[in-house]
């Protein structure tokens, strides 16, 4: 299993970012996928989950209404569109399947 996240950056409050995750080494189209994040000094926090076909998704209360998870099963790609970013969204964001995650991508929200 290999998960490679990208798209993290420094952005001002209120800004947007789109994270990507390239997946390989397993049957992506039959796997529900997740995004999680870890803020400095804190534990891993679940952010969002998407069903195998992309028709169903769940979000943590902290990101609901601002983040959108999506996937492209033809390309084995997972995405997280993040809008109206807040300073408290600053964290390393991970793509996950089960307990496996990638190396993460840093998102910093600061003015």
C-alpha atoms as a PDB file:
ATOM      1  CA  UNK A   1       0.000   0.000   0.000  1.00  0.00           C
ATOM      2  CA  UNK A   2       1.323   3.416  -0.955  1.00  0.00           C
ATOM      3  CA  UNK A   3      -0.368   6.744  -0.295  1.00  0.00           C
ATOM      4  CA  UNK A   4       1.258   9.995  -1.419  1.00  0.00           C
ATOM      5  CA  UNK A   5      -0.327  13.272  -0.366  1.00  0.00           C
ATOM      6  CA  UNK A   6       0.329  16.635  -1.985  1.00  0.00           C
ATOM      7  CA  UNK A   7      -1.119  20.123  -2.236  1.00  0.00           C
ATOM      8  CA  UNK A   8      -0.357  21.513   1.194  1.00  0.00           C
ATOM      9  CA  UNK A   9       0.789  25.117   1.435  1.00  0.00           C
ATOM     10  CA  UNK A  10       0.767  28.307   3.462  1.00  0.00           C
ATOM     11  CA  UNK A  11      -2.543  30.118   2.989  1.00  0.00           C
ATOM     12  CA  UNK A  12      -4.261  33.080   4.593  1.00  0.00           C
ATOM     13  CA  UNK A  13      -7.411  32.669   6.687  1.00  0.00           C
ATOM     14  CA  UNK A  14     -10.416  32.454   4.403  1.00  0.00           C
ATOM     15  CA  UNK A  15      -8.374  30.932   1.624  1.00  0.00           C
ATOM     16  CA  UNK A  16      -8.712  27.599  -0.148  1.00  0.00           C
ATOM     17  CA  UNK A  17      -6.545  24.603  -0.908  1.00  0.00           C
ATOM     18  CA  UNK A  18      -7.057  21.308  -2.688  1.00  0.00           C
ATOM     19  CA  UNK A  19      -5.194  18.305  -1.350  1.00  0.00           C
ATOM     20  CA  UNK A  20      -4.535  15.230  -3.456  1.00  0.00           C
ATOM     21  CA  UNK A  21      -3.624  11.669  -2.575  1.00  0.00           C
ATOM     22  CA  UNK A  22      -2.236   9.201  -5.100  1.00  0.00           C
ATOM     23  CA  UNK A  23      -2.995   5.638  -4.058  1.00  0.00           C
ATOM     24  CA  UNK A  24      -1.403   2.407  -5.235  1.00  0.00           C
ATOM     25  CA  UNK A  25      -0.770  -1.151  -4.134  1.00  0.00           C
ATOM     26  CA  UNK A  26      -4.344  -2.058  -3.270  1.00  0.00           C
ATOM     27  CA  UNK A  27      -7.786  -2.136  -4.839  1.00  0.00           C
ATOM     28  CA  UNK A  28      -8.614   1.546  -4.555  1.00  0.00           C
ATOM     29  CA  UNK A  29     -12.073   1.384  -6.125  1.00  0.00           C
ATOM     30  CA  UNK A  30     -13.308  -1.102  -3.502  1.00  0.00           C
ATOM     31  CA  UNK A  31     -11.871   0.804  -0.530  1.00  0.00           C
ATOM     32  CA  UNK A  32     -13.533   3.520   1.510  1.00  0.00           C
ATOM     33  CA  UNK A  33     -10.985   6.291   2.000  1.00  0.00           C
ATOM     34  CA  UNK A  34     -10.319   8.825   4.692  1.00  0.00           C
ATOM     35  CA  UNK A  35      -8.562  12.081   5.411  1.00  0.00           C
ATOM     36  CA  UNK A  36      -7.130  12.758   8.855  1.00  0.00           C
ATOM     37  CA  UNK A  37      -4.975  15.530  10.268  1.00  0.00           C
ATOM     38  CA  UNK A  38      -2.566  16.127  13.093  1.00  0.00           C
ATOM     39  CA  UNK A  39      -2.064  19.588  14.490  1.00  0.00           C
ATOM     40  CA  UNK A  40       1.144  20.501  16.328  1.00  0.00           C
ATOM     41  CA  UNK A  41       1.189  18.881  19.755  1.00  0.00           C
ATOM     42  CA  UNK A  42      -2.116  17.066  19.218  1.00  0.00           C
ATOM     43  CA  UNK A  43      -3.243  13.591  18.279  1.00  0.00           C
ATOM     44  CA  UNK A  44      -4.499  12.360  14.933  1.00  0.00           C
ATOM     45  CA  UNK A  45      -7.969  13.720  14.131  1.00  0.00           C
ATOM     46  CA  UNK A  46     -10.381  12.144  11.650  1.00  0.00           C
ATOM     47  CA  UNK A  47     -11.553  14.679   9.064  1.00  0.00           C
ATOM     48  CA  UNK A  48     -13.615  12.924   6.418  1.00  0.00           C
ATOM     49  CA  UNK A  49     -14.578   9.588   4.866  1.00  0.00           C
ATOM     50  CA  UNK A  50     -15.830   8.780   1.385  1.00  0.00           C
ATOM     51  CA  UNK A  51     -17.570   5.632   0.183  1.00  0.00           C
ATOM     52  CA  UNK A  52     -16.121   3.368  -2.496  1.00  0.00           C
ATOM     53  CA  UNK A  53     -18.190   4.902  -5.275  1.00  0.00           C
ATOM     54  CA  UNK A  54     -17.966   8.442  -3.981  1.00  0.00           C
ATOM     55  CA  UNK A  55     -21.683   8.890  -3.448  1.00  0.00           C
ATOM     56  CA  UNK A  56     -21.538   9.087   0.332  1.00  0.00           C
ATOM     57  CA  UNK A  57     -19.307  11.146   2.587  1.00  0.00           C
ATOM     58  CA  UNK A  58     -18.936  12.032   6.234  1.00  0.00           C
ATOM     59  CA  UNK A  59     -17.236  15.013   7.849  1.00  0.00           C
ATOM     60  CA  UNK A  60     -16.126  15.996  11.311  1.00  0.00           C
ATOM     61  CA  UNK A  61     -18.098  18.845  12.829  1.00  0.00           C
ATOM     62  CA  UNK A  62     -15.019  21.048  12.687  1.00  0.00           C
ATOM     63  CA  UNK A  63     -14.861  20.970   8.867  1.00  0.00           C
ATOM     64  CA  UNK A  64     -18.451  20.288   7.826  1.00  0.00           C
ATOM     65  CA  UNK A  65     -19.668  22.825   5.299  1.00  0.00           C
ATOM     66  CA  UNK A  66     -16.139  23.965   4.433  1.00  0.00           C
ATOM     67  CA  UNK A  67     -14.353  20.819   3.203  1.00  0.00           C
ATOM     68  CA  UNK A  68     -15.384  18.453   0.408  1.00  0.00           C
ATOM     69  CA  UNK A  69     -13.938  14.992  -0.102  1.00  0.00           C
ATOM     70  CA  UNK A  70     -13.970  13.385  -3.540  1.00  0.00           C
ATOM     71  CA  UNK A  71     -12.310  10.598  -5.477  1.00  0.00           C
ATOM     72  CA  UNK A  72     -11.440   9.507  -8.998  1.00  0.00           C
ATOM     73  CA  UNK A  73     -11.468   5.731  -9.139  1.00  0.00           C
ATOM     74  CA  UNK A  74     -10.162   5.704 -12.704  1.00  0.00           C
ATOM     75  CA  UNK A  75      -7.010   7.512 -11.581  1.00  0.00           C
ATOM     76  CA  UNK A  76      -6.742   6.059  -8.041  1.00  0.00           C
ATOM     77  CA  UNK A  77      -6.878   9.573  -6.620  1.00  0.00           C
ATOM     78  CA  UNK A  78      -8.424  10.998  -3.473  1.00  0.00           C
ATOM     79  CA  UNK A  79      -9.028  14.724  -2.981  1.00  0.00           C
ATOM     80  CA  UNK A  80      -9.911  17.161  -0.239  1.00  0.00           C
ATOM     81  CA  UNK A  81     -11.167  20.599  -1.247  1.00  0.00           C
ATOM     82  CA  UNK A  82     -10.760  22.958   1.674  1.00  0.00           C
ATOM     83  CA  UNK A  83     -12.521  26.328   1.641  1.00  0.00           C
ATOM     84  CA  UNK A  84     -12.785  29.142   4.160  1.00  0.00           C
ATOM     85  CA  UNK A  85      -9.686  27.887   5.937  1.00  0.00           C
ATOM     86  CA  UNK A  86      -9.140  28.856   9.555  1.00  0.00           C
ATOM     87  CA  UNK A  87      -5.980  29.018  11.619  1.00  0.00           C
ATOM     88  CA  UNK A  88      -7.157  25.985  13.552  1.00  0.00           C
ATOM     89  CA  UNK A  89      -7.034  23.972  10.328  1.00  0.00           C
ATOM     90  CA  UNK A  90      -3.234  24.154  10.474  1.00  0.00           C
ATOM     91  CA  UNK A  91      -1.998  20.568  10.555  1.00  0.00           C
ATOM     92  CA  UNK A  92      -0.325  17.798   8.621  1.00  0.00           C
ATOM     93  CA  UNK A  93      -3.031  16.161   6.513  1.00  0.00           C
ATOM     94  CA  UNK A  94      -2.966  12.440   5.823  1.00  0.00           C
ATOM     95  CA  UNK A  95      -4.738  10.187   3.387  1.00  0.00           C
ATOM     96  CA  UNK A  96      -5.693   6.936   5.130  1.00  0.00           C
ATOM     97  CA  UNK A  97      -6.964   3.457   4.465  1.00  0.00           C
ATOM     98  CA  UNK A  98      -7.511   1.610   7.697  1.00  0.00           C
ATOM     99  CA  UNK A  99      -4.519   2.400   9.865  1.00  0.00           C
ATOM    100  CA  UNK A 100      -2.207   3.025   6.916  1.00  0.00           C
ATOM    101  CA  UNK A 101      -1.394   6.599   5.970  1.00  0.00           C
ATOM    102  CA  UNK A 102       1.003   8.449   3.745  1.00  0.00           C
ATOM    103  CA  UNK A 103       3.775  10.847   4.682  1.00  0.00           C
ATOM    104  CA  UNK A 104       1.324  13.718   4.933  1.00  0.00           C
ATOM    105  CA  UNK A 105       1.202  17.224   3.510  1.00  0.00           C
ATOM    106  CA  UNK A 106       1.553  20.383   5.610  1.00  0.00           C
ATOM    107  CA  UNK A 107      -1.250  22.915   5.620  1.00  0.00           C
ATOM    108  CA  UNK A 108      -0.526  26.177   7.394  1.00  0.00           C
ATOM    109  CA  UNK A 109      -3.208  28.827   7.752  1.00  0.00           C
ATOM    110  CA  UNK A 110      -1.784  32.126   8.920  1.00  0.00           C
ATOM    111  CA  UNK A 111      -1.886  35.791   8.112  1.00  0.00           C
END
